[in-house]
Amino acid sequence: MVIWFIGLSGSGKTTLGIKLTEELRKKYDNVVFLDGDILRDVWGDDIDHSIKGREKNAKRISNLCKVLDKQGLFVVASVLSIFPDWQRWNRENFSEYFEIFLDVPIKVLLERDTKDLYKKAKKGELKNVVGLDIPFPKPYKPDLILSDWPSDESPDETLLKILKNISHI
């Protein structure tokens, strides 16, 4: 099974992905956490953040998830994920796929800006920032939408909501 967190930078994908992984590991010993930023480093950061580079990265992450899924591992992936075709590919190629969309408005992310990405982009110091100069298409039919997280609840409260929705595993 692959549980796939989608959202703009700063939406909480990594925070919730790590929390979910830790919780699943209490019950299963075969859980892997993958993060898009970390995987870029693992692969030597050999691609840029252009749409073409991002698509290559999406392909790599989805294919890695497929390999791990075929080996019977639970995969929790936190990925910006701007390609509907790859999201569709995930649904068609994983044994089970559960997509969680963190729908945080850009206004909130601009205020939060945990990595200073948006600030640098607004100053012209950074290009190819999704949500500003690269469009972010909302996922077609996510299995769970978490709106404006984490402004109104703690990560633990949100984690409980996620766990209720994946209780079948």
Protein backbone atom coordinates (compact mmCIF):
# COMPACT_ATOMS: atom_id res chain seq x y z
CA MET A 1 0.00 0.00 0.00
CA VAL A 2 1.13 3.52 -0.78
CA ILE A 3 -0.19 6.49 1.18
CA TRP A 4 0.61 9.62 -0.80
CA PHE A 5 0.54 13.13 0.74
CA ILE A 6 0.07 15.93 -1.79
CA GLY A 7 0.33 19.64 -1.10
CA LEU A 8 2.29 22.79 -1.71
CA SER A 9 5.55 23.51 0.05
CA GLY A 10 4.88 24.24 3.72
CA SER A 11 1.49 22.51 3.79
CA GLY A 12 2.59 19.89 6.32
CA LYS A 13 3.25 16.86 4.10
CA THR A 14 6.51 15.90 5.80
CA THR A 15 5.24 16.55 9.33
CA LEU A 16 2.15 14.40 8.84
CA GLY A 17 4.02 11.78 6.79
CA ILE A 18 6.53 11.25 9.57
CA LYS A 19 3.80 11.12 12.24
CA LEU A 20 1.80 8.60 10.21
CA THR A 21 4.89 6.47 9.59
CA GLU A 22 5.70 6.41 13.31
CA GLU A 23 2.13 5.39 14.13
CA LEU A 24 2.01 2.64 11.50
CA ARG A 25 5.33 1.25 12.73
CA LYS A 26 3.68 0.50 16.08
CA LYS A 27 1.56 -2.07 14.24
CA TYR A 28 3.71 -3.02 11.23
CA ASP A 29 7.45 -3.46 10.83
CA ASN A 30 7.45 -2.95 7.07
CA VAL A 31 6.74 0.80 6.76
CA VAL A 32 8.95 3.13 4.71
CA PHE A 33 8.78 6.93 4.64
CA LEU A 34 9.78 8.77 1.45
CA ASP A 35 10.03 12.53 1.10
CA GLY A 36 10.43 14.30 -2.23
CA ASP A 37 13.11 16.71 -0.95
CA ILE A 38 15.14 13.94 0.68
CA LEU A 39 14.95 11.79 -2.45
CA ARG A 40 16.33 14.66 -4.53
CA ASP A 41 19.37 14.61 -2.23
CA VAL A 42 19.63 10.81 -2.40
CA TRP A 43 19.70 10.99 -6.20
CA GLY A 44 22.44 13.63 -6.10
CA ASP A 45 20.14 16.59 -6.76
CA ASP A 46 20.88 16.06 -10.45
CA ILE A 47 17.68 17.64 -11.77
CA ASP A 48 16.39 21.17 -11.52
CA HIS A 49 13.00 22.40 -10.32
CA SER A 50 11.66 23.20 -13.79
CA ILE A 51 8.51 21.42 -14.89
CA LYS A 52 10.65 18.95 -16.88
CA GLY A 53 12.89 18.29 -13.86
CA ARG A 54 9.90 17.93 -11.57
CA GLU A 55 8.31 15.43 -13.94
CA LYS A 56 11.48 13.33 -13.98
CA ASN A 57 11.51 13.40 -10.17
CA ALA A 58 7.81 12.40 -10.06
CA LYS A 59 8.56 9.43 -12.30
CA ARG A 60 11.47 8.35 -10.09
CA ILE A 61 9.41 8.58 -6.89
CA SER A 62 6.42 6.73 -8.33
CA ASN A 63 8.63 3.97 -9.73
CA LEU A 64 10.46 3.60 -6.40
CA CYS A 65 7.11 3.35 -4.62
CA LYS A 66 6.04 0.66 -7.08
CA VAL A 67 9.19 -1.40 -6.37
CA LEU A 68 8.69 -1.11 -2.60
CA ASP A 69 4.95 -1.82 -2.87
CA LYS A 70 5.62 -4.98 -4.91
CA GLN A 71 7.88 -6.17 -2.07
CA GLY A 72 5.01 -5.87 0.40
CA LEU A 73 6.13 -2.68 2.12
CA PHE A 74 3.82 0.07 3.31
CA VAL A 75 5.02 3.31 1.76
CA VAL A 76 4.20 6.75 3.11
CA ALA A 77 5.26 9.36 0.54
CA SER A 78 5.25 13.13 0.99
CA VAL A 79 5.45 14.68 -2.45
CA LEU A 80 4.48 18.06 -3.90
CA SER A 81 2.95 16.10 -6.80
CA ILE A 82 1.84 18.45 -9.58
CA PHE A 83 1.21 15.89 -12.31
CA PRO A 84 -2.30 14.44 -12.54
CA ASP A 85 -1.03 11.82 -15.02
CA TRP A 86 1.39 10.47 -12.40
CA GLN A 87 -1.31 10.48 -9.72
CA ARG A 88 -3.46 8.43 -12.10
CA TRP A 89 -0.47 6.15 -12.82
CA ASN A 90 -0.08 5.61 -9.07
CA ARG A 91 -3.70 4.49 -8.76
CA GLU A 92 -3.26 2.06 -11.63
CA ASN A 93 0.10 0.60 -10.59
CA PHE A 94 0.14 0.27 -6.80
CA SER A 95 -1.53 -2.61 -4.98
CA GLU A 96 -3.48 -0.02 -3.00
CA TYR A 97 -3.22 3.77 -3.17
CA PHE A 98 -4.58 6.32 -0.71
CA GLU A 99 -4.12 9.96 -1.63
CA ILE A 100 -4.26 12.70 1.01
CA PHE A 101 -4.45 16.28 -0.24
CA LEU A 102 -3.35 19.01 2.16
CA ASP A 103 -5.38 21.89 0.75
CA VAL A 104 -3.73 24.88 2.39
CA PRO A 105 -4.37 28.26 0.71
CA ILE A 106 -1.33 30.00 -0.76
CA LYS A 107 -2.08 33.01 1.48
CA VAL A 108 -1.49 30.83 4.57
CA LEU A 109 1.65 29.32 3.05
CA LEU A 110 3.04 32.76 2.22
CA GLU A 111 2.62 33.73 5.88
CA ARG A 112 4.08 30.45 7.17
CA ASP A 113 6.91 30.13 4.57
CA THR A 114 8.93 27.63 6.63
CA LYS A 115 11.72 27.33 4.02
CA ASP A 116 11.67 30.98 2.80
CA LEU A 117 10.86 29.66 -0.69
CA TYR A 118 7.97 32.02 -1.29
CA LYS A 119 9.89 35.01 0.10
CA LYS A 120 12.85 34.31 -2.19
CA ALA A 121 10.53 33.80 -5.17
CA LYS A 122 8.74 37.09 -4.53
CA LYS A 123 12.14 38.88 -4.44
CA GLY A 124 13.12 37.23 -7.74
CA GLU A 125 15.87 35.18 -6.08
CA LEU A 126 14.23 31.85 -6.83
CA LYS A 127 12.42 30.54 -9.90
CA ASN A 128 10.13 27.57 -10.55
CA VAL A 129 8.23 27.78 -7.28
CA VAL A 130 5.02 25.77 -7.45
CA GLY A 131 2.03 27.85 -6.42
CA LEU A 132 3.63 31.08 -7.64
CA ASP A 133 5.24 30.75 -11.07
CA ILE A 134 4.38 27.08 -11.67
CA PRO A 135 0.67 26.22 -11.40
CA PHE A 136 -0.46 23.73 -8.80
CA PRO A 137 -3.35 21.65 -10.16
CA LYS A 138 -5.43 20.31 -7.32
CA PRO A 139 -5.63 16.51 -7.37
CA TYR A 140 -8.60 15.12 -9.28
CA LYS A 141 -10.14 12.82 -6.66
CA PRO A 142 -8.06 12.54 -3.50
CA ASP A 143 -9.24 9.98 -0.97
CA LEU A 144 -8.98 12.52 1.84
CA ILE A 145 -8.82 16.32 1.77
CA LEU A 146 -7.47 18.15 4.78
CA SER A 147 -8.27 21.82 4.36
CA ASP A 148 -6.15 24.56 5.87
CA TRP A 149 -4.17 22.21 8.08
CA PRO A 150 -2.69 22.89 10.61
CA SER A 151 -4.35 26.20 11.48
CA ASP A 152 -7.24 24.74 13.45
CA GLU A 153 -5.95 21.45 14.88
CA SER A 154 -2.80 19.83 16.16
CA PRO A 155 -0.81 17.32 14.09
CA ASP A 156 -2.01 14.58 16.49
CA GLU A 157 -5.67 15.49 15.90
CA THR A 158 -5.08 15.47 12.16
CA LEU A 159 -3.27 12.14 12.45
CA LEU A 160 -6.35 10.63 14.13
CA LYS A 161 -8.48 11.82 11.21
CA ILE A 162 -6.08 10.13 8.77
CA LEU A 163 -5.98 6.90 10.78
CA LYS A 164 -9.79 6.71 10.79
CA ASN A 165 -9.78 7.00 7.01
CA ILE A 166 -7.20 4.25 6.51
CA SER A 167 -8.52 1.93 9.24
CA HIS A 168 -9.02 -0.84 6.66
CA ILE A 169 -5.26 -1.53 6.49
